[in-house]
Amino acid sequence: LAEPETYPQALDTYLHEHRARLERLWRRYGPGGMFSGKLVLIDLP
């Protein structure tokens, strides 16, 4: 309840800090990846 105003910035920071890992996740499990279809949640926004 105390975070709603600060969470968007915290999420943005987290995404920038973990960009390389997120890209690896997408390359492996996203469309066309080696394990495409294994993670059904990868296609969700």
ModelCIF file with pLDDT and N, C-alpha, C, O atoms, coordinates in Angstrom:
data_MODEL
#
_entry.id   MODEL 
#
_entity.id                         1 
_entity.type                       polymer 
_entity.pdbx_number_of_molecules   1 
#
_entity_poly.entity_id                      1 
_entity_poly.type                           'polypeptide(L)' 
_entity_poly.nstd_linkage                   no 
_entity_poly.nstd_monomer                   no 
_entity_poly.pdbx_seq_one_letter_code       LAEPETYPQALDTYLHEHRARLERLWRRYGPGGMFSGKLVLIDLP 
_entity_poly.pdbx_seq_one_letter_code_can   LAEPETYPQALDTYLHEHRARLERLWRRYGPGGMFSGKLVLIDLP 
_entity_poly.pdbx_strand_id                 A 
#
loop_
_entity_poly_seq.entity_id 
_entity_poly_seq.num 
_entity_poly_seq.mon_id 
_entity_poly_seq.hetero 
1 1  LEU n 
1 2  ALA n 
1 3  GLU n 
1 4  PRO n 
1 5  GLU n 
1 6  THR n 
1 7  TYR n 
1 8  PRO n 
1 9  GLN n 
1 10 ALA n 
1 11 LEU n 
1 12 ASP n 
1 13 THR n 
1 14 TYR n 
1 15 LEU n 
1 16 HIS n 
1 17 GLU n 
1 18 HIS n 
1 19 ARG n 
1 20 ALA n 
1 21 ARG n 
1 22 LEU n 
1 23 GLU n 
1 24 ARG n 
1 25 LEU n 
1 26 TRP n 
1 27 ARG n 
1 28 ARG n 
1 29 TYR n 
1 30 GLY n 
1 31 PRO n 
1 32 GLY n 
1 33 GLY n 
1 34 MET n 
1 35 PHE n 
1 36 SER n 
1 37 GLY n 
1 38 LYS n 
1 39 LEU n 
1 40 VAL n 
1 41 LEU n 
1 42 ILE n 
1 43 ASP n 
1 44 LEU n 
1 45 PRO n 
#
_struct_asym.id          A 
_struct_asym.entity_id   1 
#
loop_
_ma_qa_metric.id 
_ma_qa_metric.mode 
_ma_qa_metric.name 
_ma_qa_metric.software_group_id 
_ma_qa_metric.type 
1 global pLDDT . pLDDT 
2 local  pLDDT . pLDDT 
#
_ma_qa_metric_global.metric_id      1 
_ma_qa_metric_global.metric_value   88.84 
_ma_qa_metric_global.model_id       1 
_ma_qa_metric_global.ordinal_id     1 
#
loop_
_ma_qa_metric_local.label_asym_id 
_ma_qa_metric_local.label_comp_id 
_ma_qa_metric_local.label_seq_id 
_ma_qa_metric_local.metric_id 
_ma_qa_metric_local.metric_value 
_ma_qa_metric_local.model_id 
_ma_qa_metric_local.ordinal_id 
A LEU 1  2 60.00 1 1  
A ALA 2  2 60.00 1 2  
A GLU 3  2 76.00 1 3  
A PRO 4  2 76.00 1 4  
A GLU 5  2 84.00 1 5  
A THR 6  2 87.00 1 6  
A TYR 7  2 87.00 1 7  
A PRO 8  2 89.00 1 8  
A GLN 9  2 92.00 1 9  
A ALA 10 2 91.00 1 10 
A LEU 11 2 91.00 1 11 
A ASP 12 2 94.00 1 12 
A THR 13 2 96.00 1 13 
A TYR 14 2 95.00 1 14 
A LEU 15 2 94.00 1 15 
A HIS 16 2 96.00 1 16 
A GLU 17 2 96.00 1 17 
A HIS 18 2 96.00 1 18 
A ARG 19 2 95.00 1 19 
A ALA 20 2 95.00 1 20 
A ARG 21 2 94.00 1 21 
A LEU 22 2 95.00 1 22 
A GLU 23 2 94.00 1 23 
A ARG 24 2 94.00 1 24 
A LEU 25 2 94.00 1 25 
A TRP 26 2 93.00 1 26 
A ARG 27 2 92.00 1 27 
A ARG 28 2 92.00 1 28 
A TYR 29 2 94.00 1 29 
A GLY 30 2 91.00 1 30 
A PRO 31 2 90.00 1 31 
A GLY 32 2 89.00 1 32 
A GLY 33 2 91.00 1 33 
A MET 34 2 89.00 1 34 
A PHE 35 2 92.00 1 35 
A SER 36 2 90.00 1 36 
A GLY 37 2 87.00 1 37 
A LYS 38 2 89.00 1 38 
A LEU 39 2 89.00 1 39 
A VAL 40 2 87.00 1 40 
A LEU 41 2 89.00 1 41 
A ILE 42 2 89.00 1 42 
A ASP 43 2 84.00 1 43 
A LEU 44 2 82.00 1 44 
A PRO 45 2 78.00 1 45 
#
loop_
_atom_site.group_PDB 
_atom_site.id 
_atom_site.type_symbol 
_atom_site.label_atom_id 
_atom_site.label_alt_id 
_atom_site.label_comp_id 
_atom_site.label_asym_id 
_atom_site.label_entity_id 
_atom_site.label_seq_id 
_atom_site.pdbx_PDB_ins_code 
_atom_site.Cartn_x 
_atom_site.Cartn_y 
_atom_site.Cartn_z 
_atom_site.occupancy 
_atom_site.B_iso_or_equiv 
_atom_site.pdbx_formal_charge 
_atom_site.auth_seq_id 
_atom_site.auth_comp_id 
_atom_site.auth_asym_id 
_atom_site.auth_atom_id 
_atom_site.pdbx_PDB_model_num 
ATOM 1   N N  . LEU A 1 1  ? 0.818  -1.211  0.000   1.00 60.00 ? 1  LEU A N  1 
ATOM 2   C CA . LEU A 1 1  ? 0.000  0.000   0.000   1.00 60.00 ? 1  LEU A CA 1 
ATOM 3   C C  . LEU A 1 1  ? 0.854  1.265   0.000   1.00 60.00 ? 1  LEU A C  1 
ATOM 4   O O  . LEU A 1 1  ? 0.430  2.299   -0.516  1.00 60.00 ? 1  LEU A O  1 
ATOM 5   N N  . ALA A 1 2  ? 2.035  1.190   0.566   1.00 60.00 ? 2  ALA A N  1 
ATOM 6   C CA . ALA A 1 2  ? 2.917  2.360   0.625   1.00 60.00 ? 2  ALA A CA 1 
ATOM 7   C C  . ALA A 1 2  ? 3.702  2.577   -0.667  1.00 60.00 ? 2  ALA A C  1 
ATOM 8   O O  . ALA A 1 2  ? 4.345  3.616   -0.822  1.00 60.00 ? 2  ALA A O  1 
ATOM 9   N N  . GLU A 1 3  ? 3.666  1.621   -1.595  1.00 76.00 ? 3  GLU A N  1 
ATOM 10  C CA . GLU A 1 3  ? 4.507  1.686   -2.790  1.00 76.00 ? 3  GLU A CA 1 
ATOM 11  C C  . GLU A 1 3  ? 3.845  2.151   -4.092  1.00 76.00 ? 3  GLU A C  1 
ATOM 12  O O  . GLU A 1 3  ? 4.573  2.392   -5.055  1.00 76.00 ? 3  GLU A O  1 
ATOM 13  N N  . PRO A 1 4  ? 2.542  2.291   -4.190  1.00 76.00 ? 4  PRO A N  1 
ATOM 14  C CA . PRO A 1 4  ? 1.960  2.540   -5.512  1.00 76.00 ? 4  PRO A CA 1 
ATOM 15  C C  . PRO A 1 4  ? 2.559  3.720   -6.275  1.00 76.00 ? 4  PRO A C  1 
ATOM 16  O O  . PRO A 1 4  ? 2.684  3.673   -7.499  1.00 76.00 ? 4  PRO A O  1 
ATOM 17  N N  . GLU A 1 5  ? 2.926  4.769   -5.557  1.00 84.00 ? 5  GLU A N  1 
ATOM 18  C CA . GLU A 1 5  ? 3.478  5.944   -6.234  1.00 84.00 ? 5  GLU A CA 1 
ATOM 19  C C  . GLU A 1 5  ? 4.922  5.712   -6.692  1.00 84.00 ? 5  GLU A C  1 
ATOM 20  O O  . GLU A 1 5  ? 5.354  6.273   -7.699  1.00 84.00 ? 5  GLU A O  1 
ATOM 21  N N  . THR A 1 6  ? 5.663  4.885   -5.949  1.00 87.00 ? 6  THR A N  1 
ATOM 22  C CA . THR A 1 6  ? 7.080  4.695   -6.265  1.00 87.00 ? 6  THR A CA 1 
ATOM 23  C C  . THR A 1 6  ? 7.355  3.445   -7.095  1.00 87.00 ? 6  THR A C  1 
ATOM 24  O O  . THR A 1 6  ? 8.446  3.298   -7.647  1.00 87.00 ? 6  THR A O  1 
ATOM 25  N N  . TYR A 1 7  ? 6.378  2.544   -7.189  1.00 87.00 ? 7  TYR A N  1 
ATOM 26  C CA . TYR A 1 7  ? 6.631  1.284   -7.885  1.00 87.00 ? 7  TYR A CA 1 
ATOM 27  C C  . TYR A 1 7  ? 6.968  1.463   -9.366  1.00 87.00 ? 7  TYR A C  1 
ATOM 28  O O  . TYR A 1 7  ? 7.879  0.787   -9.844  1.00 87.00 ? 7  TYR A O  1 
ATOM 29  N N  . PRO A 1 8  ? 6.296  2.323   -10.111 1.00 89.00 ? 8  PRO A N  1 
ATOM 30  C CA . PRO A 1 8  ? 6.674  2.451   -11.532 1.00 89.00 ? 8  PRO A CA 1 
ATOM 31  C C  . PRO A 1 8  ? 8.157  2.770   -11.729 1.00 89.00 ? 8  PRO A C  1 
ATOM 32  O O  . PRO A 1 8  ? 8.805  2.199   -12.605 1.00 89.00 ? 8  PRO A O  1 
ATOM 33  N N  . GLN A 1 9  ? 8.684  3.669   -10.924 1.00 92.00 ? 9  GLN A N  1 
ATOM 34  C CA . GLN A 1 9  ? 10.109 4.007   -11.048 1.00 92.00 ? 9  GLN A CA 1 
ATOM 35  C C  . GLN A 1 9  ? 10.980 2.839   -10.592 1.00 92.00 ? 9  GLN A C  1 
ATOM 36  O O  . GLN A 1 9  ? 12.008 2.550   -11.203 1.00 92.00 ? 9  GLN A O  1 
ATOM 37  N N  . ALA A 1 10 ? 10.563 2.165   -9.510  1.00 91.00 ? 10 ALA A N  1 
ATOM 38  C CA . ALA A 1 10 ? 11.330 1.011   -9.023  1.00 91.00 ? 10 ALA A CA 1 
ATOM 39  C C  . ALA A 1 10 ? 11.352 -0.100  -10.071 1.00 91.00 ? 10 ALA A C  1 
ATOM 40  O O  . ALA A 1 10 ? 12.387 -0.735  -10.278 1.00 91.00 ? 10 ALA A O  1 
ATOM 41  N N  . LEU A 1 11 ? 10.225 -0.338  -10.730 1.00 91.00 ? 11 LEU A N  1 
ATOM 42  C CA . LEU A 1 11 ? 10.163 -1.351  -11.784 1.00 91.00 ? 11 LEU A CA 1 
ATOM 43  C C  . LEU A 1 11 ? 11.039 -0.946  -12.959 1.00 91.00 ? 11 LEU A C  1 
ATOM 44  O O  . LEU A 1 11 ? 11.767 -1.775  -13.505 1.00 91.00 ? 11 LEU A O  1 
ATOM 45  N N  . ASP A 1 12 ? 10.976 0.305   -13.348 1.00 94.00 ? 12 ASP A N  1 
ATOM 46  C CA . ASP A 1 12 ? 11.802 0.787   -14.458 1.00 94.00 ? 12 ASP A CA 1 
ATOM 47  C C  . ASP A 1 12 ? 13.291 0.595   -14.142 1.00 94.00 ? 12 ASP A C  1 
ATOM 48  O O  . ASP A 1 12 ? 14.054 0.143   -14.996 1.00 94.00 ? 12 ASP A O  1 
ATOM 49  N N  . THR A 1 13 ? 13.695 0.933   -12.935 1.00 96.00 ? 13 THR A N  1 
ATOM 50  C CA . THR A 1 13 ? 15.084 0.739   -12.518 1.00 96.00 ? 13 THR A CA 1 
ATOM 51  C C  . THR A 1 13 ? 15.458 -0.734  -12.568 1.00 96.00 ? 13 THR A C  1 
ATOM 52  O O  . THR A 1 13 ? 16.523 -1.092  -13.071 1.00 96.00 ? 13 THR A O  1 
ATOM 53  N N  . TYR A 1 14 ? 14.588 -1.583  -12.049 1.00 95.00 ? 14 TYR A N  1 
ATOM 54  C CA . TYR A 1 14 ? 14.842 -3.025  -12.043 1.00 95.00 ? 14 TYR A CA 1 
ATOM 55  C C  . TYR A 1 14 ? 15.015 -3.543  -13.472 1.00 95.00 ? 14 TYR A C  1 
ATOM 56  O O  . TYR A 1 14 ? 15.934 -4.313  -13.752 1.00 95.00 ? 14 TYR A O  1 
ATOM 57  N N  . LEU A 1 15 ? 14.134 -3.120  -14.367 1.00 94.00 ? 15 LEU A N  1 
ATOM 58  C CA . LEU A 1 15 ? 14.208 -3.585  -15.758 1.00 94.00 ? 15 LEU A CA 1 
ATOM 59  C C  . LEU A 1 15 ? 15.501 -3.140  -16.425 1.00 94.00 ? 15 LEU A C  1 
ATOM 60  O O  . LEU A 1 15 ? 16.106 -3.906  -17.176 1.00 94.00 ? 15 LEU A O  1 
ATOM 61  N N  . HIS A 1 16 ? 15.927 -1.918  -16.160 1.00 96.00 ? 16 HIS A N  1 
ATOM 62  C CA . HIS A 1 16 ? 17.191 -1.450  -16.730 1.00 96.00 ? 16 HIS A CA 1 
ATOM 63  C C  . HIS A 1 16 ? 18.383 -2.215  -16.161 1.00 96.00 ? 16 HIS A C  1 
ATOM 64  O O  . HIS A 1 16 ? 19.307 -2.565  -16.894 1.00 96.00 ? 16 HIS A O  1 
ATOM 65  N N  . GLU A 1 17 ? 18.360 -2.475  -14.856 1.00 96.00 ? 17 GLU A N  1 
ATOM 66  C CA . GLU A 1 17 ? 19.462 -3.186  -14.220 1.00 96.00 ? 17 GLU A CA 1 
ATOM 67  C C  . GLU A 1 17 ? 19.551 -4.649  -14.662 1.00 96.00 ? 17 GLU A C  1 
ATOM 68  O O  . GLU A 1 17 ? 20.631 -5.238  -14.638 1.00 96.00 ? 17 GLU A O  1 
ATOM 69  N N  . HIS A 1 18 ? 18.438 -5.226  -15.058 1.00 96.00 ? 18 HIS A N  1 
ATOM 70  C CA . HIS A 1 18 ? 18.398 -6.641  -15.424 1.00 96.00 ? 18 HIS A CA 1 
ATOM 71  C C  . HIS A 1 18 ? 18.120 -6.862  -16.908 1.00 96.00 ? 18 HIS A C  1 
ATOM 72  O O  . HIS A 1 18 ? 17.675 -7.935  -17.314 1.00 96.00 ? 18 HIS A O  1 
ATOM 73  N N  . ARG A 1 19 ? 18.381 -5.859  -17.690 1.00 95.00 ? 19 ARG A N  1 
ATOM 74  C CA . ARG A 1 19 ? 18.079 -5.926  -19.122 1.00 95.00 ? 19 ARG A CA 1 
ATOM 75  C C  . ARG A 1 19 ? 18.736 -7.136  -19.805 1.00 95.00 ? 19 ARG A C  1 
ATOM 76  O O  . ARG A 1 19 ? 18.082 -7.834  -20.580 1.00 95.00 ? 19 ARG A O  1 
ATOM 77  N N  . ALA A 1 20 ? 19.992 -7.382  -19.528 1.00 95.00 ? 20 ALA A N  1 
ATOM 78  C CA . ALA A 1 20 ? 20.698 -8.498  -20.173 1.00 95.00 ? 20 ALA A CA 1 
ATOM 79  C C  . ALA A 1 20 ? 20.038 -9.833  -19.817 1.00 95.00 ? 20 ALA A C  1 
ATOM 80  O O  . ALA A 1 20 ? 19.867 -10.692 -20.681 1.00 95.00 ? 20 ALA A O  1 
ATOM 81  N N  . ARG A 1 21 ? 19.672 -10.002 -18.556 1.00 94.00 ? 21 ARG A N  1 
ATOM 82  C CA . ARG A 1 21 ? 18.989 -11.237 -18.144 1.00 94.00 ? 21 ARG A CA 1 
ATOM 83  C C  . ARG A 1 21 ? 17.627 -11.357 -18.809 1.00 94.00 ? 21 ARG A C  1 
ATOM 84  O O  . ARG A 1 21 ? 17.245 -12.439 -19.255 1.00 94.00 ? 21 ARG A O  1 
ATOM 85  N N  . LEU A 1 22 ? 16.891 -10.252 -18.877 1.00 95.00 ? 22 LEU A N  1 
ATOM 86  C CA . LEU A 1 22 ? 15.578 -10.272 -19.521 1.00 95.00 ? 22 LEU A CA 1 
ATOM 87  C C  . LEU A 1 22 ? 15.704 -10.635 -21.000 1.00 95.00 ? 22 LEU A C  1 
ATOM 88  O O  . LEU A 1 22 ? 14.878 -11.370 -21.541 1.00 95.00 ? 22 LEU A O  1 
ATOM 89  N N  . GLU A 1 23 ? 16.739 -10.115 -21.640 1.00 94.00 ? 23 GLU A N  1 
ATOM 90  C CA . GLU A 1 23 ? 16.979 -10.448 -23.047 1.00 94.00 ? 23 GLU A CA 1 
ATOM 91  C C  . GLU A 1 23 ? 17.310 -11.928 -23.211 1.00 94.00 ? 23 GLU A C  1 
ATOM 92  O O  . GLU A 1 23 ? 16.847 -12.568 -24.156 1.00 94.00 ? 23 GLU A O  1 
ATOM 93  N N  . ARG A 1 24 ? 18.110 -12.473 -22.294 1.00 94.00 ? 24 ARG A N  1 
ATOM 94  C CA . ARG A 1 24 ? 18.414 -13.914 -22.352 1.00 94.00 ? 24 ARG A CA 1 
ATOM 95  C C  . ARG A 1 24 ? 17.141 -14.739 -22.156 1.00 94.00 ? 24 ARG A C  1 
ATOM 96  O O  . ARG A 1 24 ? 16.933 -15.739 -22.843 1.00 94.00 ? 24 ARG A O  1 
ATOM 97  N N  . LEU A 1 25 ? 16.301 -14.318 -21.225 1.00 94.00 ? 25 LEU A N  1 
ATOM 98  C CA . LEU A 1 25 ? 15.036 -15.016 -20.997 1.00 94.00 ? 25 LEU A CA 1 
ATOM 99  C C  . LEU A 1 25 ? 14.192 -15.012 -22.268 1.00 94.00 ? 25 LEU A C  1 
ATOM 100 O O  . LEU A 1 25 ? 13.643 -16.042 -22.659 1.00 94.00 ? 25 LEU A O  1 
ATOM 101 N N  . TRP A 1 26 ? 14.094 -13.861 -22.904 1.00 93.00 ? 26 TRP A N  1 
ATOM 102 C CA . TRP A 1 26 ? 13.294 -13.732 -24.117 1.00 93.00 ? 26 TRP A CA 1 
ATOM 103 C C  . TRP A 1 26 ? 13.891 -14.563 -25.259 1.00 93.00 ? 26 TRP A C  1 
ATOM 104 O O  . TRP A 1 26 ? 13.160 -15.242 -25.980 1.00 93.00 ? 26 TRP A O  1 
ATOM 105 N N  . ARG A 1 27 ? 15.212 -14.508 -25.423 1.00 92.00 ? 27 ARG A N  1 
ATOM 106 C CA . ARG A 1 27 ? 15.844 -15.278 -26.507 1.00 92.00 ? 27 ARG A CA 1 
ATOM 107 C C  . ARG A 1 27 ? 15.629 -16.777 -26.327 1.00 92.00 ? 27 ARG A C  1 
ATOM 108 O O  . ARG A 1 27 ? 15.442 -17.500 -27.306 1.00 92.00 ? 27 ARG A O  1 
ATOM 109 N N  . ARG A 1 28 ? 15.654 -17.235 -25.106 1.00 92.00 ? 28 ARG A N  1 
ATOM 110 C CA . ARG A 1 28 ? 15.501 -18.675 -24.853 1.00 92.00 ? 28 ARG A CA 1 
ATOM 111 C C  . ARG A 1 28 ? 14.054 -19.135 -24.909 1.00 92.00 ? 28 ARG A C  1 
ATOM 112 O O  . ARG A 1 28 ? 13.765 -20.195 -25.466 1.00 92.00 ? 28 ARG A O  1 
ATOM 113 N N  . TYR A 1 29 ? 13.136 -18.352 -24.339 1.00 94.00 ? 29 TYR A N  1 
ATOM 114 C CA . TYR A 1 29 ? 11.760 -18.817 -24.152 1.00 94.00 ? 29 TYR A CA 1 
ATOM 115 C C  . TYR A 1 29 ? 10.721 -18.053 -24.961 1.00 94.00 ? 29 TYR A C  1 
ATOM 116 O O  . TYR A 1 29 ? 9.567  -18.475 -25.039 1.00 94.00 ? 29 TYR A O  1 
ATOM 117 N N  . GLY A 1 30 ? 11.113 -16.938 -25.560 1.00 91.00 ? 30 GLY A N  1 
ATOM 118 C CA . GLY A 1 30 ? 10.175 -16.159 -26.355 1.00 91.00 ? 30 GLY A CA 1 
ATOM 119 C C  . GLY A 1 30 ? 9.954  -16.797 -27.718 1.00 91.00 ? 30 GLY A C  1 
ATOM 120 O O  . GLY A 1 30 ? 10.536 -17.838 -28.022 1.00 91.00 ? 30 GLY A O  1 
ATOM 121 N N  . PRO A 1 31 ? 9.115  -16.177 -28.537 1.00 90.00 ? 31 PRO A N  1 
ATOM 122 C CA . PRO A 1 31 ? 8.843  -16.703 -29.874 1.00 90.00 ? 31 PRO A CA 1 
ATOM 123 C C  . PRO A 1 31 ? 10.137 -16.929 -30.658 1.00 90.00 ? 31 PRO A C  1 
ATOM 124 O O  . PRO A 1 31 ? 10.978 -16.034 -30.750 1.00 90.00 ? 31 PRO A O  1 
ATOM 125 N N  . GLY A 1 32 ? 10.285 -18.094 -31.206 1.00 89.00 ? 32 GLY A N  1 
ATOM 126 C CA . GLY A 1 32 ? 11.464 -18.437 -31.984 1.00 89.00 ? 32 GLY A CA 1 
ATOM 127 C C  . GLY A 1 32 ? 12.645 -18.886 -31.150 1.00 89.00 ? 32 GLY A C  1 
ATOM 128 O O  . GLY A 1 32 ? 13.687 -19.246 -31.699 1.00 89.00 ? 32 GLY A O  1 
ATOM 129 N N  . GLY A 1 33 ? 12.504 -18.873 -29.839 1.00 91.00 ? 33 GLY A N  1 
ATOM 130 C CA . GLY A 1 33 ? 13.589 -19.285 -28.950 1.00 91.00 ? 33 GLY A CA 1 
ATOM 131 C C  . GLY A 1 33 ? 13.728 -20.794 -28.897 1.00 91.00 ? 33 GLY A C  1 
ATOM 132 O O  . GLY A 1 33 ? 12.851 -21.535 -29.341 1.00 91.00 ? 33 GLY A O  1 
ATOM 133 N N  . MET A 1 34 ? 14.847 -21.229 -28.345 1.00 89.00 ? 34 MET A N  1 
ATOM 134 C CA . MET A 1 34 ? 15.150 -22.658 -28.238 1.00 89.00 ? 34 MET A CA 1 
ATOM 135 C C  . MET A 1 34 ? 14.055 -23.414 -27.477 1.00 89.00 ? 34 MET A C  1 
ATOM 136 O O  . MET A 1 34 ? 13.741 -24.558 -27.804 1.00 89.00 ? 34 MET A O  1 
ATOM 137 N N  . PHE A 1 35 ? 13.480 -22.766 -26.463 1.00 92.00 ? 35 PHE A N  1 
ATOM 138 C CA . PHE A 1 35 ? 12.454 -23.406 -25.644 1.00 92.00 ? 35 PHE A CA 1 
ATOM 139 C C  . PHE A 1 35 ? 11.115 -22.682 -25.766 1.00 92.00 ? 35 PHE A C  1 
ATOM 140 O O  . PHE A 1 35 ? 10.351 -22.591 -24.805 1.00 92.00 ? 35 PHE A O  1 
ATOM 141 N N  . SER A 1 36 ? 10.852 -22.178 -26.946 1.00 90.00 ? 36 SER A N  1 
ATOM 142 C CA . SER A 1 36 ? 9.604  -21.467 -27.199 1.00 90.00 ? 36 SER A CA 1 
ATOM 143 C C  . SER A 1 36 ? 8.415  -22.343 -26.820 1.00 90.00 ? 36 SER A C  1 
ATOM 144 O O  . SER A 1 36 ? 8.369  -23.524 -27.163 1.00 90.00 ? 36 SER A O  1 
ATOM 145 N N  . GLY A 1 37 ? 7.462  -21.760 -26.115 1.00 87.00 ? 37 GLY A N  1 
ATOM 146 C CA . GLY A 1 37 ? 6.267  -22.490 -25.715 1.00 87.00 ? 37 GLY A CA 1 
ATOM 147 C C  . GLY A 1 37 ? 6.349  -23.104 -24.333 1.00 87.00 ? 37 GLY A C  1 
ATOM 148 O O  . GLY A 1 37 ? 5.325  -23.478 -23.761 1.00 87.00 ? 37 GLY A O  1 
ATOM 149 N N  . LYS A 1 38 ? 7.559  -23.213 -23.783 1.00 89.00 ? 38 LYS A N  1 
ATOM 150 C CA . LYS A 1 38 ? 7.707  -23.797 -22.446 1.00 89.00 ? 38 LYS A CA 1 
ATOM 151 C C  . LYS A 1 38 ? 7.178  -22.851 -21.373 1.00 89.00 ? 38 LYS A C  1 
ATOM 152 O O  . LYS A 1 38 ? 6.598  -23.293 -20.381 1.00 89.00 ? 38 LYS A O  1 
ATOM 153 N N  . LEU A 1 39 ? 7.377  -21.556 -21.570 1.00 89.00 ? 39 LEU A N  1 
ATOM 154 C CA . LEU A 1 39 ? 6.894  -20.553 -20.618 1.00 89.00 ? 39 LEU A CA 1 
ATOM 155 C C  . LEU A 1 39 ? 5.706  -19.821 -21.223 1.00 89.00 ? 39 LEU A C  1 
ATOM 156 O O  . LEU A 1 39 ? 5.877  -18.918 -22.042 1.00 89.00 ? 39 LEU A O  1 
ATOM 157 N N  . VAL A 1 40 ? 4.515  -20.208 -20.824 1.00 87.00 ? 40 VAL A N  1 
ATOM 158 C CA . VAL A 1 40 ? 3.329  -19.569 -21.387 1.00 87.00 ? 40 VAL A CA 1 
ATOM 159 C C  . VAL A 1 40 ? 3.206  -18.116 -20.940 1.00 87.00 ? 40 VAL A C  1 
ATOM 160 O O  . VAL A 1 40 ? 2.541  -17.327 -21.611 1.00 87.00 ? 40 VAL A O  1 
ATOM 161 N N  . LEU A 1 41 ? 3.825  -17.747 -19.832 1.00 89.00 ? 41 LEU A N  1 
ATOM 162 C CA . LEU A 1 41 ? 3.718  -16.381 -19.323 1.00 89.00 ? 41 LEU A CA 1 
ATOM 163 C C  . LEU A 1 41 ? 4.605  -15.398 -20.074 1.00 89.00 ? 41 LEU A C  1 
ATOM 164 O O  . LEU A 1 41 ? 4.419  -14.187 -19.951 1.00 89.00 ? 41 LEU A O  1 
ATOM 165 N N  . ILE A 1 42 ? 5.561  -15.891 -20.844 1.00 89.00 ? 42 ILE A N  1 
ATOM 166 C CA . ILE A 1 42 ? 6.506  -15.002 -21.528 1.00 89.00 ? 42 ILE A CA 1 
ATOM 167 C C  . ILE A 1 42 ? 5.798  -14.071 -22.517 1.00 89.00 ? 42 ILE A C  1 
ATOM 168 O O  . ILE A 1 42 ? 6.292  -12.979 -22.798 1.00 89.00 ? 42 ILE A O  1 
ATOM 169 N N  . ASP A 1 43 ? 4.660  -14.486 -23.038 1.00 84.00 ? 43 ASP A N  1 
ATOM 170 C CA . ASP A 1 43 ? 3.937  -13.681 -24.017 1.00 84.00 ? 43 ASP A CA 1 
ATOM 171 C C  . ASP A 1 43 ? 3.038  -12.621 -23.386 1.00 84.00 ? 43 ASP A C  1 
ATOM 172 O O  . ASP A 1 43 ? 2.457  -11.806 -24.103 1.00 84.00 ? 43 ASP A O  1 
ATOM 173 N N  . LEU A 1 44 ? 2.914  -12.616 -22.074 1.00 82.00 ? 44 LEU A N  1 
ATOM 174 C CA . LEU A 1 44 ? 2.058  -11.637 -21.412 1.00 82.00 ? 44 LEU A CA 1 
ATOM 175 C C  . LEU A 1 44 ? 2.771  -10.300 -21.250 1.00 82.00 ? 44 LEU A C  1 
ATOM 176 O O  . LEU A 1 44 ? 3.977  -10.270 -21.005 1.00 82.00 ? 44 LEU A O  1 
ATOM 177 N N  . PRO A 1 45 ? 2.038  -9.192  -21.384 1.00 78.00 ? 45 PRO A N  1 
ATOM 178 C CA . PRO A 1 45 ? 2.659  -7.875  -21.203 1.00 78.00 ? 45 PRO A CA 1 
ATOM 179 C C  . PRO A 1 45 ? 3.294  -7.707  -19.820 1.00 78.00 ? 45 PRO A C  1 
ATOM 180 O O  . PRO A 1 45 ? 3.854  -6.652  -19.522 1.00 78.00 ? 45 PRO A O  1 
#
